[in-house]
């Protein structure tokens, strides 16, 4: 009887290990790191643009730099799983504009989402790693 219980315990341990291993491999494969330079395409009712963003990721913390039609600006944000969110302030014809980007990281080299230019409207964006 003890021999049967021991074999059952070993078999249960093997099953649990086999179930856990793919999840661990998947978690490592799905780990997101957006650090680097990205080329964006932005479409809004106020117009379109092709800014460049340079990101530095430290865990869930995101910092970086925006360069585009709104000038040059430092940005801050977060990464949680496949979700990305960041903000910065720029300028249009002497008027400050706050930009809020929210999106999804599709792969290690592509992402897309929604942008809100506070006071000017909303739009969409997509980006590819350079």
N, C-alpha and C. Protein backbone atom coordinates (compact mmCIF):
# COMPACT_ATOMS: atom_id res chain seq x y z
N UNK A 1 0.83 -1.20 0.00
CA UNK A 1 0.00 0.00 0.00
C UNK A 1 0.87 1.26 0.00
N UNK A 2 1.93 1.27 0.83
CA UNK A 2 2.82 2.42 0.87
C UNK A 2 3.51 2.63 -0.48
N UNK A 3 3.85 1.51 -1.16
CA UNK A 3 4.49 1.60 -2.45
C UNK A 3 3.55 2.25 -3.47
N UNK A 4 2.29 1.93 -3.42
CA UNK A 4 1.30 2.51 -4.33
C UNK A 4 1.14 3.99 -4.04
N UNK A 5 1.10 4.38 -2.76
CA UNK A 5 0.95 5.79 -2.39
C UNK A 5 2.19 6.58 -2.84
N UNK A 6 3.38 6.00 -2.69
CA UNK A 6 4.61 6.68 -3.12
C UNK A 6 4.61 6.91 -4.61
N UNK A 7 4.22 5.90 -5.36
CA UNK A 7 4.17 6.05 -6.82
C UNK A 7 3.13 7.08 -7.23
N UNK A 8 2.01 7.12 -6.55
CA UNK A 8 0.97 8.11 -6.84
C UNK A 8 1.48 9.52 -6.55
N UNK A 9 2.22 9.69 -5.47
CA UNK A 9 2.76 11.00 -5.11
C UNK A 9 3.78 11.45 -6.15
N UNK A 10 4.65 10.52 -6.60
CA UNK A 10 5.65 10.85 -7.62
C UNK A 10 4.94 11.22 -8.93
N UNK A 11 3.95 10.46 -9.30
CA UNK A 11 3.20 10.75 -10.54
C UNK A 11 2.52 12.12 -10.45
N UNK A 12 1.95 12.44 -9.32
CA UNK A 12 1.30 13.74 -9.13
C UNK A 12 2.34 14.86 -9.25
N UNK A 13 3.52 14.65 -8.68
CA UNK A 13 4.58 15.64 -8.78
C UNK A 13 5.03 15.86 -10.21
N UNK A 14 5.13 14.79 -10.97
CA UNK A 14 5.52 14.91 -12.39
C UNK A 14 4.46 15.68 -13.16
N UNK A 15 3.20 15.39 -12.93
CA UNK A 15 2.11 16.09 -13.62
C UNK A 15 2.14 17.58 -13.30
N UNK A 16 2.30 17.91 -12.03
CA UNK A 16 2.36 19.32 -11.63
C UNK A 16 3.56 20.01 -12.29
N UNK A 17 4.72 19.35 -12.33
CA UNK A 17 5.91 19.92 -12.95
C UNK A 17 5.68 20.17 -14.44
N UNK A 18 5.05 19.23 -15.10
CA UNK A 18 4.78 19.38 -16.54
C UNK A 18 3.79 20.51 -16.81
N UNK A 19 2.85 20.69 -15.91
CA UNK A 19 1.87 21.77 -16.08
C UNK A 19 2.53 23.13 -15.81
N UNK A 20 3.44 23.22 -14.84
CA UNK A 20 4.07 24.47 -14.46
C UNK A 20 5.12 24.90 -15.48
N UNK A 21 5.87 23.98 -16.05
CA UNK A 21 6.97 24.31 -16.96
C UNK A 21 6.50 25.14 -18.15
N UNK A 22 5.45 24.75 -18.87
CA UNK A 22 5.02 25.59 -19.99
C UNK A 22 4.62 27.00 -19.56
N UNK A 23 4.01 27.14 -18.39
CA UNK A 23 3.62 28.47 -17.91
C UNK A 23 4.86 29.31 -17.63
N UNK A 24 5.90 28.70 -17.06
CA UNK A 24 7.13 29.44 -16.78
C UNK A 24 7.83 29.84 -18.07
N UNK A 25 7.87 28.94 -19.04
CA UNK A 25 8.47 29.25 -20.34
C UNK A 25 7.68 30.36 -21.02
N UNK A 26 6.36 30.27 -20.98
CA UNK A 26 5.49 31.28 -21.60
C UNK A 26 5.68 32.63 -20.92
N UNK A 27 5.80 32.66 -19.60
CA UNK A 27 5.99 33.91 -18.87
C UNK A 27 7.32 34.56 -19.27
N UNK A 28 8.38 33.76 -19.41
CA UNK A 28 9.66 34.30 -19.82
C UNK A 28 9.58 34.82 -21.26
N UNK A 29 8.95 34.08 -22.15
CA UNK A 29 8.81 34.48 -23.55
C UNK A 29 7.97 35.74 -23.67
N UNK A 30 6.93 35.87 -22.85
CA UNK A 30 6.02 37.00 -22.93
C UNK A 30 6.52 38.23 -22.17
N UNK A 31 7.66 38.13 -21.50
CA UNK A 31 8.20 39.26 -20.75
C UNK A 31 8.45 40.41 -21.71
N UNK A 32 7.94 41.56 -21.36
CA UNK A 32 7.98 42.73 -22.23
C UNK A 32 9.13 43.65 -21.83
N UNK A 33 9.85 44.14 -22.83
CA UNK A 33 10.86 45.17 -22.61
C UNK A 33 10.85 46.08 -23.83
N UNK A 34 10.37 47.30 -23.65
CA UNK A 34 10.24 48.25 -24.77
C UNK A 34 11.43 49.20 -24.86
N UNK A 35 12.47 48.96 -24.05
CA UNK A 35 13.64 49.83 -24.07
C UNK A 35 14.17 49.96 -25.50
N UNK A 36 14.40 51.21 -25.92
CA UNK A 36 14.92 51.45 -27.25
C UNK A 36 14.17 52.56 -27.96
N UNK A 37 14.47 52.72 -29.25
CA UNK A 37 13.89 53.78 -30.07
C UNK A 37 12.74 53.21 -30.91
N UNK A 38 11.62 53.95 -30.93
CA UNK A 38 10.40 53.52 -31.62
C UNK A 38 9.91 54.60 -32.57
N UNK A 39 9.49 54.19 -33.75
CA UNK A 39 8.89 55.09 -34.74
C UNK A 39 7.37 54.96 -34.63
N UNK A 40 6.69 56.07 -34.36
CA UNK A 40 5.24 56.09 -34.17
C UNK A 40 4.54 56.67 -35.40
N UNK A 41 3.32 56.23 -35.61
CA UNK A 41 2.41 56.84 -36.56
C UNK A 41 1.17 57.20 -35.76
N UNK A 42 0.82 58.50 -35.74
CA UNK A 42 -0.29 58.98 -34.93
C UNK A 42 -1.31 59.64 -35.83
N UNK A 43 -2.60 59.28 -35.65
CA UNK A 43 -3.71 59.85 -36.41
C UNK A 43 -4.73 60.43 -35.43
N UNK A 44 -4.98 61.74 -35.53
CA UNK A 44 -6.01 62.37 -34.69
C UNK A 44 -6.84 63.31 -35.56
N UNK A 45 -7.95 63.78 -35.01
CA UNK A 45 -8.78 64.76 -35.71
C UNK A 45 -8.01 66.06 -35.92
N UNK A 46 -7.03 66.34 -35.05
CA UNK A 46 -6.23 67.56 -35.16
C UNK A 46 -5.10 67.41 -36.18
N UNK A 47 -4.89 66.22 -36.69
CA UNK A 47 -3.84 65.97 -37.67
C UNK A 47 -3.10 64.68 -37.40
N UNK A 48 -2.11 64.42 -38.24
CA UNK A 48 -1.33 63.19 -38.08
C UNK A 48 0.14 63.55 -37.92
N UNK A 49 0.91 62.59 -37.45
CA UNK A 49 2.33 62.83 -37.25
C UNK A 49 3.09 61.53 -37.14
N UNK A 50 4.41 61.65 -37.18
CA UNK A 50 5.29 60.49 -37.09
C UNK A 50 6.40 60.76 -36.07
N UNK A 51 6.04 60.89 -34.80
CA UNK A 51 7.05 61.16 -33.78
C UNK A 51 7.94 59.94 -33.51
N UNK A 52 9.03 60.22 -32.82
CA UNK A 52 9.93 59.17 -32.36
C UNK A 52 9.93 59.20 -30.83
N UNK A 53 9.87 58.03 -30.23
CA UNK A 53 9.94 57.91 -28.78
C UNK A 53 11.12 56.99 -28.45
N UNK A 54 11.87 57.39 -27.45
CA UNK A 54 12.95 56.54 -26.94
C UNK A 54 12.56 56.18 -25.52
N UNK A 55 12.44 54.87 -25.26
CA UNK A 55 11.99 54.39 -23.96
C UNK A 55 13.13 53.74 -23.18
N UNK A 56 13.03 53.85 -21.86
CA UNK A 56 13.87 53.09 -20.94
C UNK A 56 12.93 52.45 -19.93
N UNK A 57 12.93 51.13 -19.88
CA UNK A 57 12.05 50.41 -18.98
C UNK A 57 12.84 49.82 -17.83
N UNK A 58 12.31 50.00 -16.62
CA UNK A 58 12.88 49.42 -15.41
C UNK A 58 11.74 48.74 -14.66
N UNK A 59 11.55 47.45 -14.89
CA UNK A 59 10.39 46.74 -14.34
C UNK A 59 9.13 47.29 -14.98
N UNK A 60 8.20 47.79 -14.15
CA UNK A 60 6.97 48.37 -14.67
C UNK A 60 7.10 49.87 -14.92
N UNK A 61 8.22 50.45 -14.51
CA UNK A 61 8.43 51.90 -14.67
C UNK A 61 8.97 52.21 -16.06
N UNK A 62 8.40 53.24 -16.69
CA UNK A 62 8.79 53.64 -18.03
C UNK A 62 9.18 55.11 -18.02
N UNK A 63 10.34 55.43 -18.57
CA UNK A 63 10.77 56.81 -18.77
C UNK A 63 11.26 56.91 -20.21
N UNK A 64 11.43 58.14 -20.68
CA UNK A 64 11.92 58.27 -22.03
C UNK A 64 11.83 59.68 -22.56
N UNK A 65 11.89 59.77 -23.90
CA UNK A 65 11.92 61.05 -24.58
C UNK A 65 11.03 61.02 -25.82
N UNK A 66 10.24 62.10 -25.99
CA UNK A 66 9.39 62.29 -27.16
C UNK A 66 10.05 63.32 -28.06
N UNK A 67 10.02 63.08 -29.37
CA UNK A 67 10.49 64.04 -30.36
C UNK A 67 9.52 64.01 -31.54
N UNK A 68 8.85 65.16 -31.79
CA UNK A 68 7.88 65.20 -32.88
C UNK A 68 7.27 66.56 -33.04
N UNK A 69 6.07 66.61 -33.61
CA UNK A 69 5.39 67.87 -33.89
C UNK A 69 5.08 68.69 -32.65
N UNK A 70 5.06 68.06 -31.50
CA UNK A 70 4.81 68.78 -30.24
C UNK A 70 6.12 69.21 -29.58
N UNK A 71 7.23 69.11 -30.30
CA UNK A 71 8.53 69.52 -29.77
C UNK A 71 9.31 68.36 -29.21
N UNK A 72 10.05 68.64 -28.16
CA UNK A 72 10.87 67.66 -27.45
C UNK A 72 10.38 67.63 -26.00
N UNK A 73 10.24 66.43 -25.44
CA UNK A 73 9.75 66.34 -24.07
C UNK A 73 10.15 65.02 -23.43
N UNK A 74 10.35 65.05 -22.13
CA UNK A 74 10.56 63.81 -21.38
C UNK A 74 9.19 63.19 -21.11
N UNK A 75 9.15 61.87 -21.05
CA UNK A 75 7.89 61.17 -20.80
C UNK A 75 8.05 60.20 -19.64
N UNK A 76 6.91 59.86 -19.03
CA UNK A 76 6.89 58.88 -17.95
C UNK A 76 5.67 57.99 -18.13
N UNK A 77 5.76 56.76 -17.63
CA UNK A 77 4.62 55.87 -17.76
C UNK A 77 4.84 54.55 -17.06
N UNK A 78 4.01 53.57 -17.44
CA UNK A 78 4.07 52.23 -16.85
C UNK A 78 3.87 51.16 -17.91
N UNK A 79 4.38 49.98 -17.59
CA UNK A 79 4.15 48.77 -18.37
C UNK A 79 3.59 47.75 -17.39
N UNK A 80 2.43 47.21 -17.70
CA UNK A 80 1.83 46.17 -16.85
C UNK A 80 1.37 45.05 -17.77
N UNK A 81 2.13 43.95 -17.76
CA UNK A 81 1.83 42.87 -18.70
C UNK A 81 2.06 43.36 -20.11
N UNK A 82 1.04 43.28 -20.95
CA UNK A 82 1.14 43.75 -22.33
C UNK A 82 0.62 45.19 -22.48
N UNK A 83 0.19 45.80 -21.39
CA UNK A 83 -0.37 47.16 -21.45
C UNK A 83 0.72 48.20 -21.23
N UNK A 84 0.67 49.26 -22.05
CA UNK A 84 1.61 50.37 -21.93
C UNK A 84 0.82 51.65 -21.79
N UNK A 85 1.32 52.55 -20.95
CA UNK A 85 0.67 53.84 -20.72
C UNK A 85 1.75 54.86 -20.41
N UNK A 86 1.71 56.01 -21.10
CA UNK A 86 2.69 57.05 -20.81
C UNK A 86 2.14 58.42 -21.17
N UNK A 87 2.73 59.45 -20.57
CA UNK A 87 2.28 60.83 -20.78
C UNK A 87 3.49 61.74 -20.95
N UNK A 88 3.23 62.87 -21.60
CA UNK A 88 4.23 63.93 -21.71
C UNK A 88 3.49 65.21 -22.07
N UNK A 89 4.18 66.33 -21.96
CA UNK A 89 3.61 67.62 -22.35
C UNK A 89 4.41 68.18 -23.50
N UNK A 90 3.70 68.70 -24.50
CA UNK A 90 4.34 69.32 -25.65
C UNK A 90 3.75 70.70 -25.87
N UNK A 91 4.00 71.23 -27.06
CA UNK A 91 3.53 72.57 -27.36
C UNK A 91 3.08 72.68 -28.81
N UNK A 92 1.92 73.33 -29.01
CA UNK A 92 1.41 73.61 -30.35
C UNK A 92 1.15 75.11 -30.43
N UNK A 93 1.86 75.77 -31.31
CA UNK A 93 1.71 77.21 -31.52
C UNK A 93 1.69 77.99 -30.20
N UNK A 94 2.62 77.67 -29.33
CA UNK A 94 2.75 78.37 -28.06
C UNK A 94 1.81 77.92 -26.97
N UNK A 95 0.98 76.92 -27.24
CA UNK A 95 0.03 76.43 -26.24
C UNK A 95 0.46 75.04 -25.76
N UNK A 96 0.51 74.85 -24.44
CA UNK A 96 0.87 73.57 -23.85
C UNK A 96 -0.20 72.53 -24.17
N UNK A 97 0.25 71.34 -24.55
CA UNK A 97 -0.65 70.22 -24.83
C UNK A 97 -0.16 69.01 -24.04
N UNK A 98 -1.06 68.42 -23.24
CA UNK A 98 -0.76 67.19 -22.53
C UNK A 98 -1.18 66.01 -23.40
N UNK A 99 -0.26 65.07 -23.59
CA UNK A 99 -0.53 63.88 -24.40
C UNK A 99 -0.57 62.65 -23.50
N UNK A 100 -1.61 61.83 -23.68
CA UNK A 100 -1.79 60.61 -22.90
C UNK A 100 -1.92 59.44 -23.86
N UNK A 101 -0.98 58.53 -23.80
CA UNK A 101 -0.95 57.35 -24.67
C UNK A 101 -1.29 56.11 -23.84
N UNK A 102 -2.19 55.29 -24.35
CA UNK A 102 -2.54 54.00 -23.74
C UNK A 102 -2.59 52.97 -24.85
N UNK A 103 -2.03 51.80 -24.62
CA UNK A 103 -2.05 50.81 -25.68
C UNK A 103 -1.66 49.42 -25.24
N UNK A 104 -1.42 48.60 -26.25
CA UNK A 104 -1.09 47.20 -26.06
C UNK A 104 0.18 46.87 -26.84
N UNK A 105 1.07 46.17 -26.21
CA UNK A 105 2.28 45.72 -26.87
C UNK A 105 1.95 44.41 -27.56
N UNK A 106 2.00 44.43 -28.90
CA UNK A 106 1.61 43.26 -29.69
C UNK A 106 2.73 42.23 -29.79
N UNK A 107 3.96 42.70 -29.87
CA UNK A 107 5.12 41.82 -29.96
C UNK A 107 6.32 42.62 -29.47
N UNK A 108 7.50 42.02 -29.51
CA UNK A 108 8.67 42.75 -29.02
C UNK A 108 9.00 43.95 -29.90
N UNK A 109 8.43 44.01 -31.10
CA UNK A 109 8.75 45.10 -32.03
C UNK A 109 7.55 45.89 -32.52
N UNK A 110 6.36 45.70 -31.93
CA UNK A 110 5.17 46.43 -32.39
C UNK A 110 4.19 46.65 -31.25
N UNK A 111 3.54 47.82 -31.30
CA UNK A 111 2.49 48.14 -30.33
C UNK A 111 1.51 49.13 -30.97
N UNK A 112 0.34 49.28 -30.34
CA UNK A 112 -0.67 50.19 -30.86
C UNK A 112 -1.59 50.61 -29.74
N UNK A 113 -2.37 51.68 -30.00
CA UNK A 113 -3.29 52.11 -28.97
C UNK A 113 -4.02 53.39 -29.29
N UNK A 114 -4.44 54.07 -28.20
CA UNK A 114 -5.24 55.30 -28.28
C UNK A 114 -4.43 56.44 -27.67
N UNK A 115 -4.55 57.62 -28.28
CA UNK A 115 -3.89 58.81 -27.75
C UNK A 115 -4.95 59.86 -27.47
N UNK A 116 -4.78 60.57 -26.38
CA UNK A 116 -5.62 61.72 -26.06
C UNK A 116 -4.73 62.94 -25.99
N UNK A 117 -5.01 63.93 -26.84
CA UNK A 117 -4.35 65.22 -26.76
C UNK A 117 -5.33 66.12 -26.05
N UNK A 118 -5.10 66.31 -24.76
CA UNK A 118 -6.06 67.00 -23.89
C UNK A 118 -6.40 68.37 -24.50
N UNK A 119 -7.69 68.57 -24.73
CA UNK A 119 -8.18 69.82 -25.31
C UNK A 119 -8.24 69.81 -26.83
N UNK A 120 -7.59 68.82 -27.47
CA UNK A 120 -7.58 68.76 -28.93
C UNK A 120 -8.28 67.53 -29.50
N UNK A 121 -8.50 66.52 -28.68
CA UNK A 121 -9.20 65.33 -29.16
C UNK A 121 -8.41 64.05 -28.97
N UNK A 122 -8.97 63.01 -29.57
CA UNK A 122 -8.40 61.67 -29.44
C UNK A 122 -8.00 61.13 -30.80
N UNK A 123 -7.24 60.05 -30.76
CA UNK A 123 -6.84 59.40 -32.00
C UNK A 123 -6.25 58.04 -31.72
N UNK A 124 -5.59 57.52 -32.71
CA UNK A 124 -4.97 56.20 -32.60
C UNK A 124 -3.48 56.32 -32.93
N UNK A 125 -2.75 55.32 -32.49
CA UNK A 125 -1.31 55.27 -32.79
C UNK A 125 -0.86 53.83 -32.96
N UNK A 126 0.20 53.68 -33.72
CA UNK A 126 0.90 52.41 -33.83
C UNK A 126 2.39 52.72 -33.82
N UNK A 127 3.20 51.75 -33.42
CA UNK A 127 4.64 51.99 -33.33
C UNK A 127 5.39 50.71 -33.67
N UNK A 128 6.57 50.93 -34.25
CA UNK A 128 7.48 49.84 -34.56
C UNK A 128 8.86 50.19 -34.01
N UNK A 129 9.50 49.17 -33.44
CA UNK A 129 10.85 49.38 -32.91
C UNK A 129 11.80 49.63 -34.07
N UNK A 130 12.69 50.61 -33.88
CA UNK A 130 13.69 50.91 -34.92
C UNK A 130 14.95 50.12 -34.71
